[in-house]
Amino acid sequence: MPRLIFSLATPDDDDALRRLLRENVMEGGISVSFRREPSYFLTSSVQGEQAEIYKGCNVETGEIAVLGSRFRRAAYFNGRLETLGYLADLRLNRRYRSGRCLFRAYCELGNVIAADPLPLHTSMILHDNAAALSTIAANRRGMPHYIPQGLVHTPFIRLARPRRPIAPEGVELRFGRAGEEGELTDFLNREAARRQFAPHYEPADWYNGRLRGLSVGDVCIARRDGRIVGALAGWDQHGFRQIHVERYNGLWRLGKPLYNAAARLLRLPLLPDEGGTIRYGYLALTAVEKDDADVYRALLRAQYIRCRKLGWHYMVGSMHENDPLLPVMNEYPHLAAGGRLFVVAFDTPPEPDGRVPYVEAATL
């Protein structure tokens, strides 16, 4: 492996970073790439208040060989507000892709991050990322220690058939209105403190890019006696983040024309052509007082109805395996997806106190 030198990426690297994403194709029945058009850096603002995007360049050619990021986030740990780090977006140029290259590159990147410590770092590795699970999460000598925190489910909920609203007794449901940002943010933070690693927001985040693409009108709010008792957002990030269909393989290639013919008759979402994008959005800002399943069920149904009308194919949820609301989300037909959550230790991390972790798929 050639020698790499790490430094912070700048907007001048934007074209090269987006090309690296386009070339990182996740193979499968439907081969896809996860893109950030028209700018790599637009997405960074939703991942954390401060983005540290590191590039590892071949010292001989200047070519970007590896990419990795740390995002500083205001988040709750053991009920206290802290500045935590989230490690994400590790990508290897295909010309440098091997287990040995991944190991050496992550060791060097880890040294850069460890030199500027934070109280705690977390990271999530997708189930099908065998290379990462067998290298960077294998706790090899010289690597940061990955401490498992359980499974996170990120189902793609199909927005297929129409469904009727759900109206719990004594609960008023409606979408947010201008002027409610402060009250809503206070509620989100109060509930976030009950979860581990849950993000903290400020009212200004509705306008400064932290919640880019999301407005208070995208949030369904549940009230009981005028007081907020639940919230759930439908976050469309298609303007700066896309799942791009590279190709259909095997049975998917054979079955796509038949599926789309049936979908037209049944008025279901069509599978996009190769080169197209999957229309999806995220279920986000999940907060329900006392984990009331009936309130969450009604919020989820309201977002289902709204997002289906908007033309989405899927809603992408996110819940830890121990979250008491997970069974409600799993009531809907979905494509299973998810990953493993880790605390990443560069030294001796503080111990979590047993609260259920919260992961926002929209900010991964």
Protein backbone atom coordinates (compact mmCIF):
# COMPACT_ATOMS: atom_id res chain seq x y z
CA MET A 1 0.00 0.00 0.00
CA PRO A 2 1.45 3.41 -0.92
CA ARG A 3 2.07 5.94 1.82
CA LEU A 4 -0.91 8.15 2.64
CA ILE A 5 -1.02 11.56 4.22
CA PHE A 6 -4.20 12.72 5.96
CA SER A 7 -5.56 16.24 6.00
CA LEU A 8 -8.92 17.97 6.21
CA ALA A 9 -10.88 18.07 2.97
CA THR A 10 -12.01 21.45 1.66
CA PRO A 11 -14.68 22.58 -0.81
CA ASP A 12 -11.97 22.37 -3.49
CA ASP A 13 -12.15 18.56 -3.03
CA ASP A 14 -15.91 18.42 -3.61
CA ASP A 15 -15.77 16.92 -7.12
CA ALA A 16 -13.28 14.24 -6.04
CA LEU A 17 -15.33 13.34 -2.96
CA ARG A 18 -18.55 12.97 -4.93
CA ARG A 19 -16.74 10.87 -7.54
CA LEU A 20 -15.51 8.58 -4.75
CA LEU A 21 -19.12 8.09 -3.60
CA ARG A 22 -20.29 7.36 -7.14
CA GLU A 23 -17.60 4.70 -7.51
CA ASN A 24 -18.44 3.03 -4.16
CA VAL A 25 -21.23 0.74 -5.34
CA MET A 26 -22.99 -1.56 -2.89
CA GLU A 27 -23.58 -4.74 -4.86
CA GLY A 28 -26.68 -6.91 -4.54
CA GLY A 29 -29.87 -7.77 -6.36
CA ILE A 30 -30.18 -4.04 -6.84
CA SER A 31 -26.73 -2.45 -6.97
CA VAL A 32 -26.81 1.09 -5.61
CA SER A 33 -24.52 3.97 -4.76
CA PHE A 34 -25.14 6.51 -2.01
CA ARG A 35 -24.62 9.93 -3.50
CA ARG A 36 -24.49 13.53 -2.34
CA GLU A 37 -25.41 15.76 -5.22
CA PRO A 38 -24.94 18.61 -5.98
CA SER A 39 -22.42 19.07 -3.13
CA TYR A 40 -20.77 16.68 -0.70
CA PHE A 41 -20.60 19.33 1.99
CA LEU A 42 -24.33 20.14 1.99
CA THR A 43 -25.06 16.84 3.73
CA SER A 44 -22.38 17.39 6.35
CA SER A 45 -24.41 20.07 8.12
CA VAL A 46 -27.15 17.58 9.04
CA GLN A 47 -24.63 15.06 10.38
CA GLY A 48 -23.27 17.34 13.08
CA GLU A 49 -22.66 20.91 14.15
CA GLN A 50 -19.03 20.58 13.14
CA ALA A 51 -17.77 18.31 10.37
CA GLU A 52 -14.19 17.06 10.17
CA ILE A 53 -13.87 15.37 6.78
CA TYR A 54 -10.47 13.72 6.42
CA LYS A 55 -8.93 12.65 3.13
CA GLY A 56 -6.03 10.26 2.87
CA CYS A 57 -4.05 11.05 -0.27
CA ASN A 58 -1.39 9.05 -2.06
CA VAL A 59 1.78 11.08 -1.42
CA GLU A 60 3.12 10.23 -4.89
CA THR A 61 0.04 10.96 -7.02
CA GLY A 62 -2.13 13.18 -4.81
CA GLU A 63 -5.08 10.89 -5.49
CA ILE A 64 -7.64 10.52 -2.69
CA ALA A 65 -7.37 6.92 -1.51
CA VAL A 66 -9.53 6.99 1.60
CA LEU A 67 -12.18 9.19 3.12
CA GLY A 68 -13.42 9.29 6.71
CA SER A 69 -15.26 11.77 8.87
CA ARG A 70 -15.88 12.77 12.45
CA PHE A 71 -18.91 14.85 13.30
CA ARG A 72 -19.15 16.74 16.57
CA ARG A 73 -22.69 16.67 17.92
CA ALA A 74 -24.48 18.04 20.94
CA ALA A 75 -26.07 14.86 22.30
CA TYR A 76 -27.20 13.21 25.52
CA PHE A 77 -25.12 10.64 27.36
CA ASN A 78 -26.38 9.23 30.66
CA GLY A 79 -28.90 12.07 30.72
CA ARG A 80 -26.28 14.81 30.43
CA LEU A 81 -25.71 17.07 27.47
CA GLU A 82 -22.24 16.47 26.00
CA THR A 83 -20.31 17.07 22.81
CA LEU A 84 -19.94 13.59 21.30
CA GLY A 85 -18.18 12.40 18.18
CA TYR A 86 -19.78 10.33 15.45
CA LEU A 87 -17.45 8.45 13.08
CA ALA A 88 -18.87 7.85 9.62
CA ASP A 89 -18.46 7.84 5.85
CA LEU A 90 -15.39 5.61 5.64
CA ARG A 91 -14.80 5.07 1.92
CA LEU A 92 -11.93 3.53 0.00
CA ASN A 93 -10.99 4.32 -3.56
CA ARG A 94 -11.54 1.07 -5.50
CA ARG A 95 -7.87 1.03 -6.51
CA TYR A 96 -6.92 0.75 -2.84
CA ARG A 97 -9.68 -1.59 -1.72
CA SER A 98 -8.47 -4.55 0.34
CA GLY A 99 -8.67 -5.64 3.95
CA ARG A 100 -5.01 -4.71 4.47
CA CYS A 101 -5.49 -1.24 2.99
CA LEU A 102 -8.60 -0.68 5.09
CA PHE A 103 -6.76 -1.73 8.25
CA ARG A 104 -3.75 0.51 7.66
CA ALA A 105 -5.81 3.47 6.52
CA TYR A 106 -8.10 3.31 9.55
CA CYS A 107 -5.14 3.01 11.92
CA GLU A 108 -3.71 6.24 10.53
CA LEU A 109 -7.08 7.98 10.53
CA GLY A 110 -7.69 6.82 14.09
CA ASN A 111 -4.41 8.38 15.19
CA VAL A 112 -5.47 11.72 13.71
CA ILE A 113 -8.82 11.64 15.54
CA ALA A 114 -7.35 10.40 18.83
CA ALA A 115 -5.02 13.40 18.91
CA ASP A 116 -8.06 15.63 19.46
CA PRO A 117 -10.18 13.63 21.93
CA LEU A 118 -13.86 13.97 22.80
CA PRO A 119 -15.69 12.41 25.79
CA LEU A 120 -17.15 9.65 23.62
CA HIS A 121 -17.35 8.48 20.01
CA THR A 122 -19.98 6.29 18.39
CA SER A 123 -20.22 4.64 15.00
CA MET A 124 -22.59 2.37 13.14
CA ILE A 125 -21.59 -0.35 10.68
CA LEU A 126 -24.18 -1.81 8.32
CA HIS A 127 -24.91 -5.53 8.57
CA ASP A 128 -23.67 -6.23 5.05
CA ASN A 129 -20.37 -4.35 5.43
CA ALA A 130 -18.34 -7.50 6.03
CA ALA A 131 -15.02 -5.77 5.35
CA ALA A 132 -15.54 -3.19 8.11
CA LEU A 133 -16.91 -5.72 10.60
CA SER A 134 -13.93 -8.03 10.07
CA THR A 135 -11.28 -5.30 10.26
CA ILE A 136 -12.02 -2.02 12.02
CA ALA A 137 -14.61 -3.55 14.38
CA ALA A 138 -12.56 -6.68 15.12
CA ASN A 139 -10.56 -5.04 17.93
CA ARG A 140 -7.17 -5.80 16.43
CA ARG A 141 -4.00 -4.54 18.02
CA GLY A 142 -3.29 -0.93 17.12
CA MET A 143 -6.92 -0.17 16.33
CA PRO A 144 -9.48 1.75 18.41
CA HIS A 145 -11.59 -0.55 20.56
CA TYR A 146 -15.14 -1.09 19.28
CA ILE A 147 -17.60 -1.78 22.11
CA PRO A 148 -20.93 -3.23 20.88
CA GLN A 149 -24.07 -1.31 21.81
CA GLY A 150 -26.59 -3.56 20.07
CA LEU A 151 -28.43 -3.65 16.77
CA VAL A 152 -30.17 -0.74 15.10
CA HIS A 153 -33.01 -1.48 12.69
CA THR A 154 -33.45 0.85 9.71
CA PRO A 155 -36.39 -0.68 7.82
CA PHE A 156 -37.49 0.63 4.44
CA ILE A 157 -41.26 0.81 4.99
CA ARG A 158 -43.16 0.31 1.74
CA LEU A 159 -45.67 3.04 0.97
CA ALA A 160 -47.83 0.72 -1.08
CA ARG A 161 -51.53 0.62 -0.31
CA PRO A 162 -53.59 3.50 1.11
CA ARG A 163 -54.32 3.44 4.82
CA ARG A 164 -56.75 5.27 7.07
CA PRO A 165 -55.77 7.71 9.83
CA ILE A 166 -55.62 6.57 13.44
CA ALA A 167 -57.14 8.82 16.11
CA PRO A 168 -56.30 7.90 19.73
CA GLU A 169 -58.87 9.08 22.23
CA GLY A 170 -58.01 12.43 23.77
CA VAL A 171 -55.11 13.09 21.40
CA GLU A 172 -55.04 15.81 18.74
CA LEU A 173 -52.80 15.21 15.72
CA ARG A 174 -51.75 17.87 13.25
CA PHE A 175 -48.65 18.99 11.41
CA GLY A 176 -46.55 21.80 12.83
CA ARG A 177 -47.04 25.48 12.16
CA ALA A 178 -44.64 28.39 11.96
CA GLY A 179 -43.95 29.72 15.42
CA GLU A 180 -44.04 26.31 17.11
CA GLU A 181 -40.34 25.59 16.62
CA GLY A 182 -39.32 26.62 20.13
CA GLU A 183 -41.98 24.58 21.92
CA LEU A 184 -41.30 21.57 19.71
CA THR A 185 -37.53 21.78 20.22
CA ASP A 186 -37.97 21.91 24.00
CA PHE A 187 -40.10 18.76 23.85
CA LEU A 188 -37.63 16.93 21.60
CA ASN A 189 -34.74 17.70 23.95
CA ARG A 190 -36.68 16.67 27.05
CA GLU A 191 -37.45 13.29 25.52
CA ALA A 192 -33.96 12.93 24.04
CA ALA A 193 -32.43 13.01 27.52
CA ARG A 194 -34.18 9.67 28.22
CA ARG A 195 -32.27 8.03 25.37
CA GLN A 196 -28.57 7.31 24.94
CA PHE A 197 -26.68 9.31 22.28
CA ALA A 198 -29.85 11.19 21.20
CA PRO A 199 -29.18 14.55 19.51
CA HIS A 200 -29.84 17.91 21.13
CA TYR A 201 -31.28 20.67 18.96
CA GLU A 202 -31.59 24.43 19.26
CA PRO A 203 -34.47 26.50 17.81
CA ALA A 204 -31.97 28.08 15.41
CA ASP A 205 -31.28 24.65 13.88
CA TRP A 206 -34.53 24.94 11.91
CA TYR A 207 -32.90 27.70 9.88
CA ASN A 208 -29.11 27.25 9.98
CA GLY A 209 -28.71 24.06 7.91
CA ARG A 210 -28.59 21.60 10.83
CA LEU A 211 -32.08 20.42 9.79
CA ARG A 212 -31.58 21.16 6.11
CA GLY A 213 -34.62 20.23 4.03
CA LEU A 214 -36.89 19.93 7.08
CA SER A 215 -39.46 22.44 8.30
CA VAL A 216 -41.81 22.40 11.27
CA GLY A 217 -44.60 21.69 8.78
CA ASP A 218 -43.01 18.28 8.08
CA VAL A 219 -43.43 17.25 11.73
CA CYS A 220 -46.61 15.58 12.93
CA ILE A 221 -47.27 16.71 16.50
CA ALA A 222 -49.50 14.93 19.01
CA ARG A 223 -51.09 16.98 21.79
CA ARG A 224 -53.11 15.99 24.82
CA ASP A 225 -54.92 18.84 26.58
CA GLY A 226 -52.87 21.25 24.49
CA ARG A 227 -49.52 19.84 25.62
CA ILE A 228 -47.13 18.10 23.21
CA VAL A 229 -46.90 14.36 23.95
CA GLY A 230 -45.37 13.10 20.71
CA ALA A 231 -43.65 14.13 17.49
CA LEU A 232 -42.48 12.44 14.30
CA ALA A 233 -40.98 14.06 11.21
CA GLY A 234 -40.88 12.98 7.59
CA TRP A 235 -37.55 14.30 6.29
CA ASP A 236 -37.02 14.50 2.53
CA GLN A 237 -33.29 14.81 1.80
CA HIS A 238 -33.54 14.07 -1.92
CA GLY A 239 -32.23 17.53 -2.77
CA PHE A 240 -28.79 16.73 -1.36
CA ARG A 241 -28.65 12.97 -0.69
CA GLN A 242 -29.71 10.17 -3.04
CA ILE A 243 -29.77 6.39 -3.43
CA HIS A 244 -28.80 5.88 -7.08
CA VAL A 245 -29.71 2.65 -8.89
CA GLU A 246 -26.64 1.43 -10.75
CA ARG A 247 -28.06 -1.82 -12.13
CA TYR A 248 -30.43 -4.71 -11.53
CA ASN A 249 -28.93 -8.18 -11.23
CA GLY A 250 -30.19 -11.75 -11.43
CA LEU A 251 -33.86 -12.21 -10.58
CA TRP A 252 -34.30 -8.49 -10.04
CA ARG A 253 -33.31 -7.81 -13.66
CA LEU A 254 -35.75 -10.44 -14.91
CA GLY A 255 -38.55 -9.46 -12.56
CA LYS A 256 -38.43 -5.67 -12.83
CA PRO A 257 -40.60 -5.38 -16.00
CA LEU A 258 -43.20 -7.74 -14.52
CA TYR A 259 -43.24 -5.89 -11.21
CA ASN A 260 -43.64 -2.49 -12.86
CA ALA A 261 -46.45 -3.77 -15.08
CA ALA A 262 -48.33 -4.99 -12.02
CA ALA A 263 -47.48 -1.82 -10.09
CA ARG A 264 -49.05 0.35 -12.80
CA LEU A 265 -52.29 -1.61 -12.56
CA LEU A 266 -52.30 -1.47 -8.76
CA ARG A 267 -51.07 2.16 -8.58
CA LEU A 268 -47.99 1.18 -6.60
CA PRO A 269 -44.56 2.88 -6.75
CA LEU A 270 -42.51 1.79 -9.76
CA LEU A 271 -38.96 0.51 -9.56
CA PRO A 272 -36.75 3.22 -11.10
CA ASP A 273 -34.74 2.63 -14.24
CA GLU A 274 -31.01 2.03 -14.03
CA GLY A 275 -29.49 5.46 -13.53
CA GLY A 276 -32.53 6.65 -11.60
CA THR A 277 -33.01 7.25 -7.90
CA ILE A 278 -35.16 5.61 -5.26
CA ARG A 279 -37.67 8.08 -3.82
CA TYR A 280 -37.46 7.78 -0.08
CA GLY A 281 -37.32 9.89 3.04
CA TYR A 282 -36.53 9.46 6.70
CA LEU A 283 -38.69 9.12 9.77
CA ALA A 284 -36.92 11.46 12.14
CA LEU A 285 -37.17 13.41 15.41
CA THR A 286 -38.99 10.49 17.01
CA ALA A 287 -40.14 11.52 20.47
CA VAL A 288 -43.07 10.07 22.42
CA GLU A 289 -43.78 10.82 26.05
CA LYS A 290 -43.71 7.67 28.21
CA ASP A 291 -43.14 5.62 25.02
CA ASP A 292 -46.91 5.58 24.44
CA ALA A 293 -47.40 3.00 21.68
CA ASP A 294 -50.86 4.32 20.72
CA VAL A 295 -49.54 7.84 20.21
CA TYR A 296 -46.58 6.60 18.16
CA ARG A 297 -48.83 4.36 16.08
CA ALA A 298 -51.01 7.36 15.19
CA LEU A 299 -47.99 9.54 14.36
CA LEU A 300 -46.52 6.84 12.15
CA ARG A 301 -49.81 6.42 10.29
CA ALA A 302 -50.08 10.17 9.72
CA GLN A 303 -46.59 10.25 8.20
CA TYR A 304 -47.37 7.18 6.09
CA ILE A 305 -50.40 8.91 4.58
CA ARG A 306 -48.55 12.18 4.00
CA CYS A 307 -45.38 10.66 2.53
CA ARG A 308 -47.34 8.40 0.21
CA LYS A 309 -49.14 11.46 -1.17
CA LEU A 310 -45.75 13.10 -1.72
CA GLY A 311 -44.74 10.22 -4.01
CA TRP A 312 -42.19 8.56 -1.77
CA HIS A 313 -41.54 4.87 -2.37
CA TYR A 314 -40.26 4.20 1.15
CA MET A 315 -39.99 5.72 4.61
CA VAL A 316 -36.73 4.79 6.33
CA GLY A 317 -37.10 4.37 10.07
CA SER A 318 -34.47 3.82 12.75
CA MET A 319 -34.81 2.18 16.14
CA HIS A 320 -32.57 0.28 18.50
CA GLU A 321 -33.44 -3.36 19.11
CA ASN A 322 -34.39 -2.53 22.73
CA ASP A 323 -36.64 0.40 21.89
CA PRO A 324 -40.17 -0.29 23.21
CA LEU A 325 -41.65 1.36 20.10
CA LEU A 326 -39.89 -0.98 17.64
CA PRO A 327 -42.79 -3.50 17.51
CA VAL A 328 -45.10 -0.70 16.32
CA MET A 329 -42.76 0.26 13.48
CA ASN A 330 -42.46 -3.40 12.51
CA GLU A 331 -46.23 -3.64 12.01
CA TYR A 332 -45.69 -2.27 8.50
CA PRO A 333 -44.38 -4.37 5.59
CA HIS A 334 -40.77 -3.38 5.02
CA LEU A 335 -37.40 -4.28 3.59
CA ALA A 336 -35.17 -5.20 6.52
CA ALA A 337 -31.97 -3.22 6.94
CA GLY A 338 -29.79 -2.00 9.76
CA GLY A 339 -26.44 -2.24 11.43
CA ARG A 340 -24.45 -2.58 14.61
CA LEU A 341 -23.93 0.36 16.91
CA PHE A 342 -20.57 0.79 18.66
CA VAL A 343 -18.88 3.03 21.16
CA VAL A 344 -15.41 3.65 19.72
CA ALA A 345 -12.79 3.90 22.45
CA PHE A 346 -9.45 5.60 21.86
CA ASP A 347 -8.78 5.39 25.60
CA THR A 348 -11.11 4.37 28.46
CA PRO A 349 -14.65 5.57 27.69
CA PRO A 350 -17.31 6.33 30.32
CA GLU A 351 -19.84 3.55 30.94
CA PRO A 352 -23.36 3.88 29.49
CA ASP A 353 -25.99 3.64 32.23
CA GLY A 354 -28.39 1.34 30.39
CA ARG A 355 -30.64 3.84 28.61
CA VAL A 356 -31.96 2.71 25.25
CA PRO A 357 -29.78 4.14 22.44
CA TYR A 358 -31.29 6.47 19.87
CA VAL A 359 -29.94 6.64 16.34
CA GLU A 360 -31.21 9.12 13.75
CA ALA A 361 -30.93 7.44 10.35
CA ALA A 362 -31.30 10.82 8.65
CA THR A 363 -27.99 11.96 10.14
CA LEU A 364 -25.88 8.83 9.57
